[in-house]
PDB file of N, CA and C in Angstrom:
ATOM      1  N   MET A   1       5.883 -24.438  -6.134  1.00  0.00           N
ATOM      2  CA  MET A   1       4.506 -23.800  -5.899  1.00  0.00           C
ATOM      3  C   MET A   1       4.261 -23.151  -7.205  1.00  0.00           C
ATOM      4  N   THR A   2       2.954 -23.310  -7.575  1.00  0.00           N
ATOM      5  CA  THR A   2       2.521 -22.769  -8.854  1.00  0.00           C
ATOM      6  C   THR A   2       1.734 -21.499  -8.590  1.00  0.00           C
ATOM      7  N   SER A   3       1.861 -20.606  -9.544  1.00  0.00           N
ATOM      8  CA  SER A   3       1.209 -19.270  -9.326  1.00  0.00           C
ATOM      9  C   SER A   3       0.649 -18.812 -10.627  1.00  0.00           C
ATOM     10  N   THR A   4      -0.447 -18.256 -10.599  1.00  0.00           N
ATOM     11  CA  THR A   4      -1.125 -17.759 -11.690  1.00  0.00           C
ATOM     12  C   THR A   4      -0.500 -16.426 -12.210  1.00  0.00           C
ATOM     13  N   LEU A   5       0.365 -15.822 -11.403  1.00  0.00           N
ATOM     14  CA  LEU A   5       0.908 -14.647 -11.823  1.00  0.00           C
ATOM     15  C   LEU A   5       2.332 -14.753 -12.051  1.00  0.00           C
ATOM     16  N   SER A   6       3.159 -14.262 -13.143  1.00  0.00           N
ATOM     17  CA  SER A   6       4.336 -14.230 -13.219  1.00  0.00           C
ATOM     18  C   SER A   6       5.037 -13.417 -12.449  1.00  0.00           C
ATOM     19  N   GLU A   7       6.363 -13.545 -11.980  1.00  0.00           N
ATOM     20  CA  GLU A   7       6.943 -12.474 -11.128  1.00  0.00           C
ATOM     21  C   GLU A   7       7.076 -11.319 -11.844  1.00  0.00           C
ATOM     22  N   ALA A   8       7.226 -11.077 -13.178  1.00  0.00           N
ATOM     23  CA  ALA A   8       7.365  -9.888 -13.775  1.00  0.00           C
ATOM     24  C   ALA A   8       6.022  -9.035 -13.672  1.00  0.00           C
ATOM     25  N   ARG A   9       4.878  -9.706 -13.720  1.00  0.00           N
ATOM     26  CA  ARG A   9       3.764  -9.005 -13.640  1.00  0.00           C
ATOM     27  C   ARG A   9       3.309  -8.729 -12.251  1.00  0.00           C
ATOM     28  N   ALA A  10       3.953  -9.317 -11.212  1.00  0.00           N
ATOM     29  CA  ALA A  10       3.614  -9.139  -9.905  1.00  0.00           C
ATOM     30  C   ALA A  10       3.988  -7.867  -9.399  1.00  0.00           C
ATOM     31  N   ARG A  11       4.954  -7.301  -9.965  1.00  0.00           N
ATOM     32  CA  ARG A  11       5.397  -5.808  -9.460  1.00  0.00           C
ATOM     33  C   ARG A  11       5.060  -4.720 -10.415  1.00  0.00           C
ATOM     34  N   VAL A  12       4.229  -5.103 -11.448  1.00  0.00           N
ATOM     35  CA  VAL A  12       4.012  -3.897 -12.306  1.00  0.00           C
ATOM     36  C   VAL A  12       2.460  -3.563 -12.158  1.00  0.00           C
ATOM     37  N   PRO A  13       1.973  -2.350 -11.701  1.00  0.00           N
ATOM     38  CA  PRO A  13       0.655  -2.080 -11.648  1.00  0.00           C
ATOM     39  C   PRO A  13       0.107  -1.942 -13.100  1.00  0.00           C
ATOM     40  N   PRO A  14      -1.298  -2.019 -13.255  1.00  0.00           N
ATOM     41  CA  PRO A  14      -1.753  -2.050 -14.574  1.00  0.00           C
ATOM     42  C   PRO A  14      -1.556  -0.430 -14.970  1.00  0.00           C
ATOM     43  N   PRO A  15      -1.312  -0.182 -16.352  1.00  0.00           N
ATOM     44  CA  PRO A  15      -1.132   1.099 -16.811  1.00  0.00           C
ATOM     45  C   PRO A  15      -2.156   2.107 -16.360  1.00  0.00           C
ATOM     46  N   ALA A  16      -3.217   1.603 -16.527  1.00  0.00           N
ATOM     47  CA  ALA A  16      -4.476   2.464 -16.115  1.00  0.00           C
ATOM     48  C   ALA A  16      -4.509   3.020 -14.727  1.00  0.00           C
ATOM     49  N   LEU A  17      -4.114   2.233 -13.763  1.00  0.00           N
ATOM     50  CA  LEU A  17      -4.126   2.439 -12.570  1.00  0.00           C
ATOM     51  C   LEU A  17      -2.922   3.492 -12.070  1.00  0.00           C
ATOM     52  N   ARG A  18      -1.910   3.211 -12.836  1.00  0.00           N
ATOM     53  CA  ARG A  18      -0.683   4.255 -12.649  1.00  0.00           C
ATOM     54  C   ARG A  18      -1.171   5.611 -13.184  1.00  0.00           C
ATOM     55  N   GLU A  19      -1.850   5.658 -14.236  1.00  0.00           N
ATOM     56  CA  GLU A  19      -2.182   6.896 -14.886  1.00  0.00           C
ATOM     57  C   GLU A  19      -3.374   7.527 -13.991  1.00  0.00           C
ATOM     58  N   LEU A  20      -4.145   6.882 -13.388  1.00  0.00           N
ATOM     59  CA  LEU A  20      -5.203   7.294 -12.579  1.00  0.00           C
ATOM     60  C   LEU A  20      -4.505   8.088 -11.471  1.00  0.00           C
ATOM     61  N   CYS A  21      -3.539   7.471 -10.690  1.00  0.00           N
ATOM     62  CA  CYS A  21      -3.005   8.003  -9.650  1.00  0.00           C
ATOM     63  C   CYS A  21      -2.129   9.132  -9.981  1.00  0.00           C
ATOM     64  N   ALA A  22      -1.340   9.173 -11.055  1.00  0.00           N
ATOM     65  CA  ALA A  22      -0.380  10.128 -11.356  1.00  0.00           C
ATOM     66  C   ALA A  22      -1.159  11.470 -11.888  1.00  0.00           C
ATOM     67  N   ALA A  23      -2.297  11.286 -12.206  1.00  0.00           N
ATOM     68  CA  ALA A  23      -3.048  12.521 -12.798  1.00  0.00           C
ATOM     69  C   ALA A  23      -3.513  13.408 -11.615  1.00  0.00           C
ATOM     70  N   LEU A  24      -3.498  12.795 -10.235  1.00  0.00           N
ATOM     71  CA  LEU A  24      -3.769  13.620  -9.134  1.00  0.00           C
ATOM     72  C   LEU A  24      -2.810  14.460  -8.536  1.00  0.00           C
ATOM     73  N   PRO A  25      -3.231  15.542  -7.860  1.00  0.00           N
ATOM     74  CA  PRO A  25      -2.237  16.612  -7.433  1.00  0.00           C
ATOM     75  C   PRO A  25      -1.398  15.957  -6.178  1.00  0.00           C
ATOM     76  N   ASP A  26      -0.114  16.424  -6.171  1.00  0.00           N
ATOM     77  CA  ASP A  26       0.777  16.123  -5.190  1.00  0.00           C
ATOM     78  C   ASP A  26       1.052  14.641  -4.964  1.00  0.00           C
ATOM     79  N   VAL A  27       1.029  13.811  -5.980  1.00  0.00           N
ATOM     80  CA  VAL A  27       1.056  12.369  -5.706  1.00  0.00           C
ATOM     81  C   VAL A  27       2.549  11.773  -6.144  1.00  0.00           C
ATOM     82  N   THR A  28       3.069  11.049  -5.369  1.00  0.00           N
ATOM     83  CA  THR A  28       4.345  10.342  -5.691  1.00  0.00           C
ATOM     84  C   THR A  28       4.074   8.876  -5.664  1.00  0.00           C
ATOM     85  N   GLU A  29       4.878   8.110  -6.453  1.00  0.00           N
ATOM     86  CA  GLU A  29       4.788   6.713  -6.625  1.00  0.00           C
ATOM     87  C   GLU A  29       6.179   6.184  -6.054  1.00  0.00           C
ATOM     88  N   ARG A  30       6.042   5.227  -5.099  1.00  0.00           N
ATOM     89  CA  ARG A  30       7.216   4.565  -4.751  1.00  0.00           C
ATOM     90  C   ARG A  30       6.802   3.281  -4.106  1.00  0.00           C
ATOM     91  N   LEU A  31       7.990   2.384  -3.825  1.00  0.00           N
ATOM     92  CA  LEU A  31       7.612   0.967  -3.294  1.00  0.00           C
ATOM     93  C   LEU A  31       7.455   1.177  -1.814  1.00  0.00           C
ATOM     94  N   SER A  32       6.511   0.411  -1.342  1.00  0.00           N
ATOM     95  CA  SER A  32       6.164   0.438   0.067  1.00  0.00           C
ATOM     96  C   SER A  32       5.830  -1.125   0.269  1.00  0.00           C
ATOM     97  N   HIS A  33       6.594  -1.719   1.215  1.00  0.00           N
ATOM     98  CA  HIS A  33       6.513  -3.234   1.514  1.00  0.00           C
ATOM     99  C   HIS A  33       6.510  -4.042   0.139  1.00  0.00           C
ATOM    100  N   GLY A  34       7.365  -3.568  -0.629  1.00  0.00           N
ATOM    101  CA  GLY A  34       7.653  -4.340  -1.855  1.00  0.00           C
ATOM    102  C   GLY A  34       6.499  -4.218  -3.042  1.00  0.00           C
ATOM    103  N   GLU A  35       5.660  -3.432  -2.760  1.00  0.00           N
ATOM    104  CA  GLU A  35       4.593  -2.987  -3.705  1.00  0.00           C
ATOM    105  C   GLU A  35       4.447  -1.640  -4.243  1.00  0.00           C
ATOM    106  N   PRO A  36       4.160  -1.426  -5.422  1.00  0.00           N
ATOM    107  CA  PRO A  36       4.027   0.004  -5.910  1.00  0.00           C
ATOM    108  C   PRO A  36       2.811   0.726  -5.074  1.00  0.00           C
ATOM    109  N   ALA A  37       3.120   1.843  -4.546  1.00  0.00           N
ATOM    110  CA  ALA A  37       2.221   2.512  -3.709  1.00  0.00           C
ATOM    111  C   ALA A  37       2.108   3.817  -4.077  1.00  0.00           C
ATOM    112  N   TRP A  38       1.118   4.633  -3.765  1.00  0.00           N
ATOM    113  CA  TRP A  38       0.877   6.160  -4.091  1.00  0.00           C
ATOM    114  C   TRP A  38       0.718   6.934  -2.872  1.00  0.00           C
ATOM    115  N   PHE A  39       1.332   7.927  -2.778  1.00  0.00           N
ATOM    116  CA  PHE A  39       1.203   8.819  -1.603  1.00  0.00           C
ATOM    117  C   PHE A  39       0.790  10.218  -2.070  1.00  0.00           C
ATOM    118  N   VAL A  40      -0.005  10.928  -1.134  1.00  0.00           N
ATOM    119  CA  VAL A  40      -0.330  12.377  -1.257  1.00  0.00           C
ATOM    120  C   VAL A  40       0.526  12.893  -0.179  1.00  0.00           C
ATOM    121  N   GLY A  41       1.459  13.726  -0.420  1.00  0.00           N
ATOM    122  CA  GLY A  41       2.403  14.295   0.543  1.00  0.00           C
ATOM    123  C   GLY A  41       3.153  13.199   1.035  1.00  0.00           C
ATOM    124  N   LYS A  42       3.189  13.050   2.298  1.00  0.00           N
ATOM    125  CA  LYS A  42       3.868  11.729   2.949  1.00  0.00           C
ATOM    126  C   LYS A  42       3.105  10.631   3.185  1.00  0.00           C
ATOM    127  N   ARG A  43       1.591  10.545   3.034  1.00  0.00           N
ATOM    128  CA  ARG A  43       0.787   9.685   3.405  1.00  0.00           C
ATOM    129  C   ARG A  43       0.314   8.800   2.261  1.00  0.00           C
ATOM    130  N   LEU A  44       0.232   7.593   2.448  1.00  0.00           N
ATOM    131  CA  LEU A  44      -0.270   6.461   1.589  1.00  0.00           C
ATOM    132  C   LEU A  44      -1.820   6.744   1.389  1.00  0.00           C
ATOM    133  N   PHE A  45      -2.191   6.737   0.123  1.00  0.00           N
ATOM    134  CA  PHE A  45      -3.528   6.471  -0.109  1.00  0.00           C
ATOM    135  C   PHE A  45      -4.047   5.408  -0.963  1.00  0.00           C
ATOM    136  N   LEU A  46      -3.034   4.765  -1.583  1.00  0.00           N
ATOM    137  CA  LEU A  46      -3.430   3.496  -2.322  1.00  0.00           C
ATOM    138  C   LEU A  46      -2.148   2.625  -2.535  1.00  0.00           C
ATOM    139  N   THR A  47      -2.253   1.313  -2.495  1.00  0.00           N
ATOM    140  CA  THR A  47      -1.158   0.482  -3.011  1.00  0.00           C
ATOM    141  C   THR A  47      -1.722  -0.689  -3.743  1.00  0.00           C
ATOM    142  N   LEU A  48      -0.847  -1.226  -4.437  1.00  0.00           N
ATOM    143  CA  LEU A  48      -0.989  -2.503  -5.330  1.00  0.00           C
ATOM    144  C   LEU A  48      -0.794  -3.602  -4.321  1.00  0.00           C
ATOM    145  N   ALA A  49      -1.760  -4.530  -4.369  1.00  0.00           N
ATOM    146  CA  ALA A  49      -1.624  -5.684  -3.534  1.00  0.00           C
ATOM    147  C   ALA A  49      -1.707  -6.838  -4.279  1.00  0.00           C
ATOM    148  N   ASP A  50      -0.628  -7.594  -4.459  1.00  0.00           N
ATOM    149  CA  ASP A  50      -0.562  -8.798  -5.409  1.00  0.00           C
ATOM    150  C   ASP A  50       0.191 -10.044  -4.797  1.00  0.00           C
ATOM    151  N   HIS A  51       0.596  -9.880  -3.500  1.00  0.00           N
ATOM    152  CA  HIS A  51       1.296 -11.118  -3.144  1.00  0.00           C
ATOM    153  C   HIS A  51       1.222 -11.278  -1.463  1.00  0.00           C
ATOM    154  N   HIS A  52       0.305 -10.686  -0.943  1.00  0.00           N
ATOM    155  CA  HIS A  52       0.082 -10.742   0.513  1.00  0.00           C
ATOM    156  C   HIS A  52      -0.437 -12.188   0.863  1.00  0.00           C
ATOM    157  N   HIS A  53      -1.547 -12.627   0.324  1.00  0.00           N
ATOM    158  CA  HIS A  53      -2.219 -13.773   0.854  1.00  0.00           C
ATOM    159  C   HIS A  53      -2.636 -14.841  -0.221  1.00  0.00           C
ATOM    160  N   ASP A  54      -2.489 -14.634  -1.505  1.00  0.00           N
ATOM    161  CA  ASP A  54      -2.912 -15.479  -2.374  1.00  0.00           C
ATOM    162  C   ASP A  54      -2.474 -14.951  -3.809  1.00  0.00           C
ATOM    163  N   ASP A  55      -3.055 -15.520  -4.985  1.00  0.00           N
ATOM    164  CA  ASP A  55      -2.486 -15.172  -6.184  1.00  0.00           C
ATOM    165  C   ASP A  55      -3.418 -14.147  -6.978  1.00  0.00           C
ATOM    166  N   ARG A  56      -4.184 -13.444  -6.087  1.00  0.00           N
ATOM    167  CA  ARG A  56      -5.258 -12.423  -6.606  1.00  0.00           C
ATOM    168  C   ARG A  56      -4.427 -11.008  -6.665  1.00  0.00           C
ATOM    169  N   VAL A  57      -4.867 -10.164  -7.697  1.00  0.00           N
ATOM    170  CA  VAL A  57      -4.285  -8.934  -7.751  1.00  0.00           C
ATOM    171  C   VAL A  57      -5.400  -7.855  -7.404  1.00  0.00           C
ATOM    172  N   ALA A  58      -4.978  -6.961  -6.664  1.00  0.00           N
ATOM    173  CA  ALA A  58      -6.010  -5.894  -6.260  1.00  0.00           C
ATOM    174  C   ALA A  58      -5.233  -4.619  -5.914  1.00  0.00           C
ATOM    175  N   PHE A  59      -6.046  -3.666  -5.653  1.00  0.00           N
ATOM    176  CA  PHE A  59      -5.413  -2.547  -4.942  1.00  0.00           C
ATOM    177  C   PHE A  59      -6.185  -2.280  -3.634  1.00  0.00           C
ATOM    178  N   TRP A  60      -5.391  -1.815  -2.618  1.00  0.00           N
ATOM    179  CA  TRP A  60      -6.090  -1.279  -1.312  1.00  0.00           C
ATOM    180  C   TRP A  60      -6.160   0.245  -1.336  1.00  0.00           C
ATOM    181  N   ALA A  61      -7.225   0.758  -0.999  1.00  0.00           N
ATOM    182  CA  ALA A  61      -7.414   2.280  -0.866  1.00  0.00           C
ATOM    183  C   ALA A  61      -8.094   2.764   0.265  1.00  0.00           C
ATOM    184  N   ALA A  62      -7.593   4.002   0.603  1.00  0.00           N
ATOM    185  CA  ALA A  62      -8.338   4.728   1.769  1.00  0.00           C
ATOM    186  C   ALA A  62      -9.722   5.001   1.230  1.00  0.00           C
ATOM    187  N   ALA A  63     -10.668   4.959   2.111  1.00  0.00           N
ATOM    188  CA  ALA A  63     -12.117   5.323   1.452  1.00  0.00           C
ATOM    189  C   ALA A  63     -12.702   6.216   2.551  1.00  0.00           C
ATOM    190  N   PRO A  64     -13.685   6.919   2.055  1.00  0.00           N
ATOM    191  CA  PRO A  64     -14.352   7.916   3.049  1.00  0.00           C
ATOM    192  C   PRO A  64     -15.238   7.016   3.963  1.00  0.00           C
ATOM    193  N   GLU A  65     -15.610   7.605   4.934  1.00  0.00           N
ATOM    194  CA  GLU A  65     -16.403   6.926   6.167  1.00  0.00           C
ATOM    195  C   GLU A  65     -17.672   6.425   5.581  1.00  0.00           C
ATOM    196  N   GLY A  66     -17.877   5.150   5.914  1.00  0.00           N
ATOM    197  CA  GLY A  66     -19.201   4.465   5.404  1.00  0.00           C
ATOM    198  C   GLY A  66     -19.031   3.773   4.004  1.00  0.00           C
ATOM    199  N   ALA A  67     -17.941   4.018   3.220  1.00  0.00           N
ATOM    200  CA  ALA A  67     -17.827   3.517   1.984  1.00  0.00           C
ATOM    201  C   ALA A  67     -17.446   1.980   2.144  1.00  0.00           C
ATOM    202  N   GLN A  68     -16.687   1.562   3.010  1.00  0.00           N
ATOM    203  CA  GLN A  68     -16.368   0.082   3.010  1.00  0.00           C
ATOM    204  C   GLN A  68     -17.515  -0.682   3.355  1.00  0.00           C
ATOM    205  N   GLU A  69     -18.455  -0.204   4.213  1.00  0.00           N
ATOM    206  CA  GLU A  69     -19.641  -1.010   4.630  1.00  0.00           C
ATOM    207  C   GLU A  69     -20.470  -1.232   3.182  1.00  0.00           C
ATOM    208  N   ALA A  70     -20.643  -0.088   2.519  1.00  0.00           N
ATOM    209  CA  ALA A  70     -21.303  -0.154   1.305  1.00  0.00           C
ATOM    210  C   ALA A  70     -20.783  -1.168   0.213  1.00  0.00           C
ATOM    211  N   LEU A  71     -19.372  -0.963   0.014  1.00  0.00           N
ATOM    212  CA  LEU A  71     -18.858  -1.744  -1.134  1.00  0.00           C
ATOM    213  C   LEU A  71     -18.561  -3.213  -0.808  1.00  0.00           C
ATOM    214  N   VAL A  72     -18.288  -3.584   0.382  1.00  0.00           N
ATOM    215  CA  VAL A  72     -17.921  -5.002   0.540  1.00  0.00           C
ATOM    216  C   VAL A  72     -19.142  -5.772   0.377  1.00  0.00           C
ATOM    217  N   ARG A  73     -20.288  -5.275   0.379  1.00  0.00           N
ATOM    218  CA  ARG A  73     -21.511  -6.032  -0.133  1.00  0.00           C
ATOM    219  C   ARG A  73     -21.306  -6.557  -1.438  1.00  0.00           C
ATOM    220  N   TYR A  74     -20.345  -6.175  -2.188  1.00  0.00           N
ATOM    221  CA  TYR A  74     -20.159  -6.671  -3.663  1.00  0.00           C
ATOM    222  C   TYR A  74     -18.836  -7.450  -3.683  1.00  0.00           C
ATOM    223  N   PRO A  75     -18.784  -8.704  -2.925  1.00  0.00           N
ATOM    224  CA  PRO A  75     -17.450  -9.374  -2.881  1.00  0.00           C
ATOM    225  C   PRO A  75     -16.817  -9.700  -4.375  1.00  0.00           C
ATOM    226  N   GLU A  76     -17.482  -9.729  -5.322  1.00  0.00           N
ATOM    227  CA  GLU A  76     -17.003 -10.003  -6.573  1.00  0.00           C
ATOM    228  C   GLU A  76     -16.046  -8.900  -6.986  1.00  0.00           C
ATOM    229  N   ARG A  77     -16.287  -7.675  -6.387  1.00  0.00           N
ATOM    230  CA  ARG A  77     -15.349  -6.507  -6.812  1.00  0.00           C
ATOM    231  C   ARG A  77     -14.655  -5.930  -5.638  1.00  0.00           C
ATOM    232  N   TYR A  78     -15.100  -6.226  -4.394  1.00  0.00           N
ATOM    233  CA  TYR A  78     -14.531  -5.412  -3.166  1.00  0.00           C
ATOM    234  C   TYR A  78     -14.346  -6.373  -2.045  1.00  0.00           C
ATOM    235  N   PHE A  79     -13.389  -5.968  -1.111  1.00  0.00           N
ATOM    236  CA  PHE A  79     -13.285  -6.624  -0.046  1.00  0.00           C
ATOM    237  C   PHE A  79     -12.566  -5.780   0.980  1.00  0.00           C
ATOM    238  N   ARG A  80     -12.643  -6.186   2.323  1.00  0.00           N
ATOM    239  CA  ARG A  80     -11.958  -5.648   3.388  1.00  0.00           C
ATOM    240  C   ARG A  80     -10.607  -5.927   3.555  1.00  0.00           C
ATOM    241  N   PRO A  81      -9.632  -5.263   3.153  1.00  0.00           N
ATOM    242  CA  PRO A  81      -8.167  -5.608   3.161  1.00  0.00           C
ATOM    243  C   PRO A  81      -7.619  -5.797   4.534  1.00  0.00           C
ATOM    244  N   PRO A  82      -6.662  -6.825   4.468  1.00  0.00           N
ATOM    245  CA  PRO A  82      -5.884  -7.075   5.920  1.00  0.00           C
ATOM    246  C   PRO A  82      -5.172  -5.846   6.168  1.00  0.00           C
ATOM    247  N   TYR A  83      -4.780  -5.623   7.287  1.00  0.00           N
ATOM    248  CA  TYR A  83      -3.868  -4.601   7.828  1.00  0.00           C
ATOM    249  C   TYR A  83      -4.549  -3.151   7.883  1.00  0.00           C
ATOM    250  N   TYR A  84      -5.309  -2.876   6.631  1.00  0.00           N
ATOM    251  CA  TYR A  84      -5.843  -1.666   6.583  1.00  0.00           C
ATOM    252  C   TYR A  84      -7.327  -1.569   6.718  1.00  0.00           C
ATOM    253  N   GLY A  85      -7.909  -2.752   6.589  1.00  0.00           N
ATOM    254  CA  GLY A  85      -9.308  -2.831   6.754  1.00  0.00           C
ATOM    255  C   GLY A  85     -10.221  -2.201   7.995  1.00  0.00           C
ATOM    256  N   HIS A  86      -9.392  -2.374   9.143  1.00  0.00           N
ATOM    257  CA  HIS A  86      -9.901  -1.672  10.438  1.00  0.00           C
ATOM    258  C   HIS A  86      -9.913  -0.230  10.350  1.00  0.00           C
ATOM    259  N   ARG A  87      -9.192   0.355   9.330  1.00  0.00           N
ATOM    260  CA  ARG A  87      -9.314   1.808   9.338  1.00  0.00           C
ATOM    261  C   ARG A  87     -10.300   2.350   8.246  1.00  0.00           C
ATOM    262  N   GLY A  88     -11.033   1.426   7.807  1.00  0.00           N
ATOM    263  CA  GLY A  88     -12.176   1.779   6.854  1.00  0.00           C
ATOM    264  C   GLY A  88     -11.626   1.613   5.265  1.00  0.00           C
ATOM    265  N   TRP A  89     -10.335   1.062   4.920  1.00  0.00           N
ATOM    266  CA  TRP A  89      -9.984   1.000   3.618  1.00  0.00           C
ATOM    267  C   TRP A  89     -10.646  -0.108   3.018  1.00  0.00           C
ATOM    268  N   ILE A  90     -10.804   0.043   1.476  1.00  0.00           N
ATOM    269  CA  ILE A  90     -11.443  -1.046   0.719  1.00  0.00           C
ATOM    270  C   ILE A  90     -10.275  -1.704  -0.090  1.00  0.00           C
ATOM    271  N   GLY A  91     -10.574  -2.833  -0.567  1.00  0.00           N
ATOM    272  CA  GLY A  91      -9.811  -3.573  -1.504  1.00  0.00           C
ATOM    273  C   GLY A  91     -10.734  -3.642  -2.837  1.00  0.00           C
ATOM    274  N   MET A  92     -10.054  -3.645  -3.837  1.00  0.00           N
ATOM    275  CA  MET A  92     -10.826  -3.623  -5.292  1.00  0.00           C
ATOM    276  C   MET A  92      -9.944  -4.747  -6.081  1.00  0.00           C
ATOM    277  N   TRP A  93     -10.520  -5.778  -6.448  1.00  0.00           N
ATOM    278  CA  TRP A  93      -9.898  -6.722  -7.238  1.00  0.00           C
ATOM    279  C   TRP A  93      -9.671  -6.147  -8.644  1.00  0.00           C
ATOM    280  N   LEU A  94      -8.456  -6.498  -9.133  1.00  0.00           N
ATOM    281  CA  LEU A  94      -8.013  -6.092 -10.386  1.00  0.00           C
ATOM    282  C   LEU A  94      -7.926  -7.158 -11.428  1.00  0.00           C
ATOM    283  N   ASP A  95      -8.228  -8.479 -10.886  1.00  0.00           N
ATOM    284  CA  ASP A  95      -8.103  -9.671 -11.768  1.00  0.00           C
ATOM    285  C   ASP A  95      -9.350 -10.144 -12.133  1.00  0.00           C
ATOM    286  N   VAL A  96     -10.365  -9.295 -12.171  1.00  0.00           N
ATOM    287  CA  VAL A  96     -11.721  -9.598 -12.822  1.00  0.00           C
ATOM    288  C   VAL A  96     -12.167  -8.549 -13.757  1.00  0.00           C
ATOM    289  N   PRO A  97     -12.986  -8.751 -14.609  1.00  0.00           N
ATOM    290  CA  PRO A  97     -13.672  -7.606 -15.527  1.00  0.00           C
ATOM    291  C   PRO A  97     -13.805  -6.437 -14.861  1.00  0.00           C
ATOM    292  N   LEU A  98     -13.272  -5.313 -15.249  1.00  0.00           N
ATOM    293  CA  LEU A  98     -13.112  -4.137 -14.473  1.00  0.00           C
ATOM    294  C   LEU A  98     -13.627  -2.922 -15.114  1.00  0.00           C
ATOM    295  N   ASP A  99     -14.382  -2.215 -14.476  1.00  0.00           N
ATOM    296  CA  ASP A  99     -14.971  -0.863 -14.880  1.00  0.00           C
ATOM    297  C   ASP A  99     -13.942   0.172 -14.408  1.00  0.00           C
ATOM    298  N   TRP A 100     -13.046   0.679 -15.278  1.00  0.00           N
ATOM    299  CA  TRP A 100     -11.979   1.552 -15.008  1.00  0.00           C
ATOM    300  C   TRP A 100     -12.612   2.930 -14.496  1.00  0.00           C
ATOM    301  N   ASP A 101     -13.761   3.349 -15.115  1.00  0.00           N
ATOM    302  CA  ASP A 101     -14.451   4.442 -14.559  1.00  0.00           C
ATOM    303  C   ASP A 101     -14.692   4.412 -12.903  1.00  0.00           C
ATOM    304  N   GLU A 102     -15.108   3.203 -12.599  1.00  0.00           N
ATOM    305  CA  GLU A 102     -15.512   2.772 -11.253  1.00  0.00           C
ATOM    306  C   GLU A 102     -14.162   2.822 -10.511  1.00  0.00           C
ATOM    307  N   ALA A 103     -13.255   2.248 -10.986  1.00  0.00           N
ATOM    308  CA  ALA A 103     -11.780   2.106 -10.241  1.00  0.00           C
ATOM    309  C   ALA A 103     -11.329   3.677 -10.105  1.00  0.00           C
ATOM    310  N   GLY A 104     -11.627   4.489 -11.150  1.00  0.00           N
ATOM    311  CA  GLY A 104     -11.182   5.835 -11.037  1.00  0.00           C
ATOM    312  C   GLY A 104     -11.838   6.554  -9.879  1.00  0.00           C
ATOM    313  N   ASP A 105     -13.029   6.247  -9.800  1.00  0.00           N
ATOM    314  CA  ASP A 105     -13.897   6.815  -8.483  1.00  0.00           C
ATOM    315  C   ASP A 105     -13.376   6.450  -7.293  1.00  0.00           C
ATOM    316  N   ARG A 106     -12.936   5.234  -7.093  1.00  0.00           N
ATOM    317  CA  ARG A 106     -12.257   4.691  -5.852  1.00  0.00           C
ATOM    318  C   ARG A 106     -10.834   5.403  -5.672  1.00  0.00           C
ATOM    319  N   VAL A 107     -10.188   5.554  -6.703  1.00  0.00           N
ATOM    320  CA  VAL A 107      -8.762   6.175  -6.606  1.00  0.00           C
ATOM    321  C   VAL A 107      -9.036   7.659  -6.177  1.00  0.00           C
ATOM    322  N   ARG A 108      -9.728   8.232  -6.832  1.00  0.00           N
ATOM    323  CA  ARG A 108     -10.019   9.816  -6.498  1.00  0.00           C
ATOM    324  C   ARG A 108     -10.573   9.860  -5.094  1.00  0.00           C
ATOM    325  N   GLU A 109     -11.501   9.054  -4.637  1.00  0.00           N
ATOM    326  CA  GLU A 109     -11.919   9.028  -3.274  1.00  0.00           C
ATOM    327  C   GLU A 109     -10.847   8.881  -2.237  1.00  0.00           C
ATOM    328  N   ALA A 110      -9.933   7.912  -2.462  1.00  0.00           N
ATOM    329  CA  ALA A 110      -8.826   7.416  -1.719  1.00  0.00           C
ATOM    330  C   ALA A 110      -7.965   8.699  -1.620  1.00  0.00           C
ATOM    331  N   HIS A 111      -7.557   9.289  -2.714  1.00  0.00           N
ATOM    332  CA  HIS A 111      -6.742  10.578  -2.653  1.00  0.00           C
ATOM    333  C   HIS A 111      -7.233  11.682  -1.767  1.00  0.00           C
ATOM    334  N   GLU A 112      -8.543  11.926  -2.071  1.00  0.00           N
ATOM    335  CA  GLU A 112      -9.272  13.011  -1.434  1.00  0.00           C
ATOM    336  C   GLU A 112      -9.422  12.687   0.062  1.00  0.00           C
ATOM    337  N   THR A 113      -9.678  11.508   0.438  1.00  0.00           N
ATOM    338  CA  THR A 113      -9.790  11.130   1.867  1.00  0.00           C
ATOM    339  C   THR A 113      -8.394  11.307   2.666  1.00  0.00           C
ATOM    340  N   ILE A 114      -7.415  10.942   2.010  1.00  0.00           N
ATOM    341  CA  ILE A 114      -6.140  11.340   2.592  1.00  0.00           C
ATOM    342  C   ILE A 114      -5.701  12.729   2.680  1.00  0.00           C
ATOM    343  N   ALA A 115      -5.855  13.391   1.397  1.00  0.00           N
ATOM    344  CA  ALA A 115      -5.564  14.785   1.187  1.00  0.00           C
ATOM    345  C   ALA A 115      -6.267  15.638   2.315  1.00  0.00           C
ATOM    346  N   LYS A 116      -7.564  15.264   2.425  1.00  0.00           N
ATOM    347  CA  LYS A 116      -8.480  16.061   3.383  1.00  0.00           C
ATOM    348  C   LYS A 116      -7.922  16.019   4.806  1.00  0.00           C
ATOM    349  N   ALA A 117      -7.493  14.906   5.168  1.00  0.00           N
ATOM    350  CA  ALA A 117      -6.732  14.501   6.445  1.00  0.00           C
ATOM    351  C   ALA A 117      -5.522  15.266   6.663  1.00  0.00           C
ATOM    352  N   THR A 118      -4.862  15.595   5.748  1.00  0.00           N
ATOM    353  CA  THR A 118      -3.592  16.192   5.782  1.00  0.00           C
ATOM    354  C   THR A 118      -3.559  17.680   5.899  1.00  0.00           C
ATOM    355  N   ARG A 119      -4.740  18.267   5.233  1.00  0.00           N
ATOM    356  CA  ARG A 119      -4.884  19.753   5.224  1.00  0.00           C
ATOM    357  C   ARG A 119      -4.967  20.148   6.650  1.00  0.00           C
ATOM    358  N   ARG A 120      -4.328  21.374   6.791  1.00  0.00           N
ATOM    359  CA  ARG A 120      -4.373  22.132   8.004  1.00  0.00           C
ATOM    360  C   ARG A 120      -5.117  23.429   7.790  1.00  0.00           C
ATOM    361  N   PRO A 121      -5.834  23.864   8.934  1.00  0.00           N
ATOM    362  CA  PRO A 121      -6.673  25.090   8.794  1.00  0.00           C
ATOM    363  C   PRO A 121      -5.655  26.181   8.726  1.00  0.00           C
ATOM    364  N   ILE A 122      -6.078  27.238   8.022  1.00  0.00           N
ATOM    365  CA  ILE A 122      -5.126  28.386   7.883  1.00  0.00           C
ATOM    366  C   ILE A 122      -5.706  29.413   8.800  1.00  0.00           C
ATOM    367  N   GLY A 123      -4.627  29.986   9.516  1.00  0.00           N
ATOM    368  CA  GLY A 123      -4.931  30.909  10.580  1.00  0.00           C
ATOM    369  C   GLY A 123      -4.954  30.617  11.804  1.00  0.00           C
TER     370      GLY A 123
END
């Protein structure tokens, strides 16, 4: 079977993605389902996706309500990911020319979406 991705590249997230995630509060990185993934507290907010269905490289990220519908209208950059798409998550292709400021916006939104859901009211 021929692949456009080398096995070594298949497990290493782009440095810019790792930096974006690591810069956020209370974030840890660990493998989840064989992929690098980032958690806020114990909850997943973003995962690299490079071997689930094809030879494309992307990340899957939590998204605020309504964002998925708005973003998947741009299939050259976004898609509804399997397994998580029914929860409103988005997928963003990393194997196309990429605006890292835009990717950073998606990473921060994913973090905030999950961080907000884990906050408990005081009192």
